[in-house]
Amino acid sequence: MKTQILKKMMPLTVAILGISGAFATTAMQSAAASSTAQRTGYLLNNQGNCDVEVNCSDTPSDFVCRAGITSGPQAFGKDSSDNCTEILYRP
């Protein structure tokens, strides 16, 4: 009797473990993707130099990265030649 129950329950157990493993893997991938989106933005000073660092993100959203949460000067990311031209977003 135990053998029959074990044989009938084994495929269901494997399916449940497989599905839960797939969800766990997907959750870990999305968590890793969101943590890599952080970028350092820079504010332009009066001379046009990028010197003040601000935490920003390169993941597009509705709001650009600014010194304040919703107001203040816009922060930019540096390109390959250290010019502050890349648009960054609020994290």
N, C-alpha and C. Protein backbone atom coordinates (compact mmCIF):
# COMPACT_ATOMS: atom_id res chain seq x y z
N MET A 1 0.81 -1.19 0.00
CA MET A 1 0.00 0.00 0.00
C MET A 1 0.86 1.27 0.00
N LYS A 2 1.93 1.25 0.83
CA LYS A 2 2.83 2.40 0.86
C LYS A 2 3.48 2.62 -0.50
N THR A 3 3.83 1.55 -1.17
CA THR A 3 4.48 1.65 -2.46
C THR A 3 3.57 2.30 -3.49
N GLN A 4 2.30 1.96 -3.48
CA GLN A 4 1.36 2.54 -4.44
C GLN A 4 1.17 4.04 -4.18
N ILE A 5 1.04 4.41 -2.93
CA ILE A 5 0.88 5.83 -2.59
C ILE A 5 2.13 6.61 -3.00
N LEU A 6 3.29 6.03 -2.73
CA LEU A 6 4.55 6.68 -3.08
C LEU A 6 4.67 6.86 -4.59
N LYS A 7 4.29 5.85 -5.36
CA LYS A 7 4.37 5.92 -6.82
C LYS A 7 3.42 6.96 -7.39
N LYS A 8 2.25 7.12 -6.76
CA LYS A 8 1.27 8.09 -7.25
C LYS A 8 1.63 9.52 -6.84
N MET A 9 2.26 9.71 -5.70
CA MET A 9 2.58 11.04 -5.20
C MET A 9 3.90 11.59 -5.73
N MET A 10 4.79 10.73 -6.19
CA MET A 10 6.11 11.16 -6.63
C MET A 10 6.05 12.14 -7.81
N PRO A 11 5.28 11.89 -8.88
CA PRO A 11 5.24 12.88 -9.98
C PRO A 11 4.68 14.23 -9.54
N LEU A 12 3.68 14.22 -8.67
CA LEU A 12 3.12 15.47 -8.18
C LEU A 12 4.14 16.25 -7.35
N THR A 13 4.89 15.56 -6.53
CA THR A 13 5.92 16.19 -5.71
C THR A 13 7.01 16.80 -6.58
N VAL A 14 7.44 16.09 -7.59
CA VAL A 14 8.47 16.60 -8.50
C VAL A 14 7.95 17.82 -9.25
N ALA A 15 6.69 17.80 -9.68
CA ALA A 15 6.12 18.94 -10.39
C ALA A 15 6.05 20.17 -9.49
N ILE A 16 5.64 19.99 -8.25
CA ILE A 16 5.54 21.12 -7.32
C ILE A 16 6.92 21.70 -7.04
N LEU A 17 7.91 20.85 -6.83
CA LEU A 17 9.27 21.34 -6.60
C LEU A 17 9.83 22.06 -7.83
N GLY A 18 9.53 21.56 -9.01
CA GLY A 18 10.01 22.20 -10.23
C GLY A 18 9.40 23.57 -10.45
N ILE A 19 8.11 23.68 -10.20
CA ILE A 19 7.43 24.97 -10.38
C ILE A 19 7.94 25.99 -9.35
N SER A 20 8.06 25.57 -8.10
CA SER A 20 8.55 26.51 -7.09
C SER A 20 10.00 26.91 -7.36
N GLY A 21 10.80 26.02 -7.90
CA GLY A 21 12.17 26.37 -8.27
C GLY A 21 12.22 27.39 -9.39
N ALA A 22 11.30 27.25 -10.36
CA ALA A 22 11.25 28.22 -11.46
C ALA A 22 10.87 29.61 -10.96
N PHE A 23 9.91 29.69 -10.06
CA PHE A 23 9.53 30.99 -9.51
C PHE A 23 10.67 31.59 -8.68
N ALA A 24 11.37 30.78 -7.94
CA ALA A 24 12.48 31.29 -7.13
C ALA A 24 13.60 31.83 -8.02
N THR A 25 13.87 31.16 -9.12
CA THR A 25 14.91 31.61 -10.05
C THR A 25 14.52 32.94 -10.68
N THR A 26 13.26 33.07 -11.09
CA THR A 26 12.80 34.31 -11.70
C THR A 26 12.87 35.46 -10.70
N ALA A 27 12.51 35.21 -9.46
CA ALA A 27 12.57 36.26 -8.45
C ALA A 27 14.00 36.72 -8.21
N MET A 28 14.95 35.80 -8.22
CA MET A 28 16.35 36.16 -8.00
C MET A 28 16.88 36.96 -9.19
N GLN A 29 16.46 36.64 -10.41
CA GLN A 29 16.92 37.37 -11.57
C GLN A 29 16.40 38.80 -11.56
N SER A 30 15.14 39.00 -11.21
CA SER A 30 14.60 40.35 -11.19
C SER A 30 15.21 41.17 -10.06
N ALA A 31 15.55 40.55 -8.95
CA ALA A 31 16.21 41.27 -7.86
C ALA A 31 17.61 41.69 -8.27
N ALA A 32 18.32 40.83 -9.00
CA ALA A 32 19.67 41.18 -9.47
C ALA A 32 19.61 42.28 -10.51
N ALA A 33 18.61 42.29 -11.36
CA ALA A 33 18.50 43.31 -12.39
C ALA A 33 18.23 44.67 -11.78
N SER A 34 17.39 44.73 -10.77
CA SER A 34 17.11 46.02 -10.17
C SER A 34 18.29 46.56 -9.38
N SER A 35 19.12 45.72 -8.83
CA SER A 35 20.24 46.21 -8.06
C SER A 35 21.38 46.70 -8.94
N THR A 36 21.44 46.28 -10.21
CA THR A 36 22.51 46.74 -11.09
C THR A 36 22.15 48.03 -11.82
N ALA A 37 20.92 48.52 -11.65
CA ALA A 37 20.49 49.71 -12.38
C ALA A 37 20.97 51.00 -11.73
N GLN A 38 21.57 50.95 -10.55
CA GLN A 38 22.01 52.16 -9.86
C GLN A 38 23.21 52.79 -10.59
N ARG A 39 23.14 54.10 -10.77
CA ARG A 39 24.23 54.85 -11.40
C ARG A 39 24.48 56.11 -10.60
N THR A 40 25.66 56.63 -10.70
CA THR A 40 25.99 57.90 -10.08
C THR A 40 25.72 59.01 -11.08
N GLY A 41 24.89 59.95 -10.68
CA GLY A 41 24.62 61.12 -11.50
C GLY A 41 25.42 62.30 -10.96
N TYR A 42 25.61 63.29 -11.79
CA TYR A 42 26.40 64.46 -11.40
C TYR A 42 25.62 65.73 -11.73
N LEU A 43 25.72 66.70 -10.81
CA LEU A 43 25.10 68.00 -11.03
C LEU A 43 26.13 68.94 -11.63
N LEU A 44 25.68 69.80 -12.51
CA LEU A 44 26.58 70.79 -13.12
C LEU A 44 26.70 71.99 -12.20
N ASN A 45 27.93 72.46 -11.99
CA ASN A 45 28.12 73.67 -11.19
C ASN A 45 28.06 74.89 -12.10
N ASN A 46 28.35 76.08 -11.56
CA ASN A 46 28.25 77.32 -12.34
C ASN A 46 29.21 77.37 -13.52
N GLN A 47 30.34 76.66 -13.41
CA GLN A 47 31.31 76.63 -14.51
C GLN A 47 31.00 75.54 -15.53
N GLY A 48 29.98 74.76 -15.31
CA GLY A 48 29.61 73.69 -16.24
C GLY A 48 30.33 72.39 -15.98
N ASN A 49 31.00 72.25 -14.82
CA ASN A 49 31.69 71.01 -14.48
C ASN A 49 30.76 70.07 -13.72
N CYS A 50 30.96 68.79 -13.91
CA CYS A 50 30.20 67.78 -13.17
C CYS A 50 30.97 67.47 -11.90
N ASP A 51 30.45 67.93 -10.76
CA ASP A 51 31.25 67.72 -9.56
C ASP A 51 30.47 67.20 -8.36
N VAL A 52 29.16 67.34 -8.31
CA VAL A 52 28.39 66.89 -7.17
C VAL A 52 27.69 65.58 -7.52
N GLU A 53 27.97 64.54 -6.72
CA GLU A 53 27.41 63.22 -7.00
C GLU A 53 26.01 63.07 -6.41
N VAL A 54 25.13 62.39 -7.16
CA VAL A 54 23.76 62.12 -6.75
C VAL A 54 23.45 60.67 -7.13
N ASN A 55 22.71 59.95 -6.28
CA ASN A 55 22.31 58.59 -6.62
C ASN A 55 21.16 58.62 -7.61
N CYS A 56 21.36 57.94 -8.75
CA CYS A 56 20.37 57.90 -9.81
C CYS A 56 20.25 56.46 -10.32
N SER A 57 19.47 56.29 -11.38
CA SER A 57 19.27 54.99 -11.99
C SER A 57 19.27 55.17 -13.50
N ASP A 58 19.70 54.13 -14.23
CA ASP A 58 19.63 54.22 -15.69
C ASP A 58 18.42 53.48 -16.24
N THR A 59 17.54 53.00 -15.34
CA THR A 59 16.30 52.36 -15.77
C THR A 59 15.27 53.45 -16.06
N PRO A 60 14.76 53.54 -17.28
CA PRO A 60 13.81 54.61 -17.62
C PRO A 60 12.57 54.59 -16.73
N SER A 61 12.18 55.76 -16.27
CA SER A 61 10.95 55.92 -15.49
C SER A 61 10.33 57.26 -15.89
N ASP A 62 9.28 57.66 -15.19
CA ASP A 62 8.58 58.90 -15.51
C ASP A 62 9.31 60.15 -15.04
N PHE A 63 10.26 59.99 -14.11
CA PHE A 63 10.90 61.15 -13.51
C PHE A 63 12.41 61.12 -13.74
N VAL A 64 12.96 62.27 -14.14
CA VAL A 64 14.40 62.38 -14.29
C VAL A 64 15.03 62.56 -12.93
N CYS A 65 16.31 62.25 -12.81
CA CYS A 65 17.03 62.36 -11.55
C CYS A 65 17.36 63.83 -11.29
N ARG A 66 17.04 64.29 -10.09
CA ARG A 66 17.28 65.67 -9.70
C ARG A 66 17.96 65.71 -8.35
N ALA A 67 18.46 66.88 -7.97
CA ALA A 67 19.13 67.04 -6.68
C ALA A 67 18.15 66.78 -5.54
N GLY A 68 16.94 67.31 -5.65
CA GLY A 68 15.88 67.03 -4.70
C GLY A 68 15.06 65.87 -5.24
N ILE A 69 14.06 65.47 -4.51
CA ILE A 69 13.25 64.35 -4.99
C ILE A 69 12.47 64.73 -6.24
N THR A 70 11.81 65.89 -6.21
CA THR A 70 11.03 66.30 -7.37
C THR A 70 11.45 67.65 -7.94
N SER A 71 12.39 68.32 -7.28
CA SER A 71 12.80 69.64 -7.77
C SER A 71 14.31 69.78 -7.65
N GLY A 72 14.80 70.87 -8.16
CA GLY A 72 16.24 71.12 -8.12
C GLY A 72 16.88 70.86 -9.47
N PRO A 73 18.18 71.08 -9.56
CA PRO A 73 18.86 70.88 -10.84
C PRO A 73 18.88 69.40 -11.24
N GLN A 74 18.85 69.17 -12.53
CA GLN A 74 18.85 67.81 -13.06
C GLN A 74 20.25 67.21 -13.00
N ALA A 75 20.32 65.94 -12.65
CA ALA A 75 21.60 65.22 -12.62
C ALA A 75 21.77 64.47 -13.92
N PHE A 76 23.01 64.40 -14.38
CA PHE A 76 23.33 63.71 -15.63
C PHE A 76 24.40 62.64 -15.39
N GLY A 77 24.42 61.65 -16.26
CA GLY A 77 25.47 60.64 -16.22
C GLY A 77 26.60 61.01 -17.14
N LYS A 78 27.79 60.55 -16.81
CA LYS A 78 28.96 60.84 -17.65
C LYS A 78 29.05 59.82 -18.78
N ASP A 79 29.39 60.33 -19.98
CA ASP A 79 29.61 59.44 -21.11
C ASP A 79 31.07 59.00 -21.13
N SER A 80 31.48 58.35 -22.21
CA SER A 80 32.84 57.80 -22.29
C SER A 80 33.92 58.87 -22.27
N SER A 81 33.61 60.11 -22.67
CA SER A 81 34.60 61.18 -22.64
C SER A 81 34.39 62.12 -21.45
N ASP A 82 33.75 61.65 -20.38
CA ASP A 82 33.51 62.39 -19.14
C ASP A 82 32.69 63.66 -19.31
N ASN A 83 31.82 63.69 -20.30
CA ASN A 83 30.88 64.80 -20.44
C ASN A 83 29.56 64.40 -19.80
N CYS A 84 28.94 65.31 -19.09
CA CYS A 84 27.65 65.02 -18.44
C CYS A 84 26.52 65.24 -19.43
N THR A 85 26.22 64.20 -20.19
CA THR A 85 25.19 64.31 -21.22
C THR A 85 24.11 63.23 -21.12
N GLU A 86 24.35 62.15 -20.38
CA GLU A 86 23.39 61.05 -20.33
C GLU A 86 22.25 61.38 -19.37
N ILE A 87 21.04 61.14 -19.83
CA ILE A 87 19.87 61.38 -18.98
C ILE A 87 19.71 60.19 -18.04
N LEU A 88 19.60 60.49 -16.76
CA LEU A 88 19.38 59.47 -15.75
C LEU A 88 18.02 59.70 -15.10
N TYR A 89 17.55 58.68 -14.41
CA TYR A 89 16.21 58.72 -13.84
C TYR A 89 16.25 58.55 -12.34
N ARG A 90 15.14 58.94 -11.70
CA ARG A 90 15.05 58.80 -10.25
C ARG A 90 14.96 57.31 -9.90
N PRO A 91 15.75 56.86 -8.92
CA PRO A 91 15.69 55.44 -8.55
C PRO A 91 14.41 55.08 -7.83
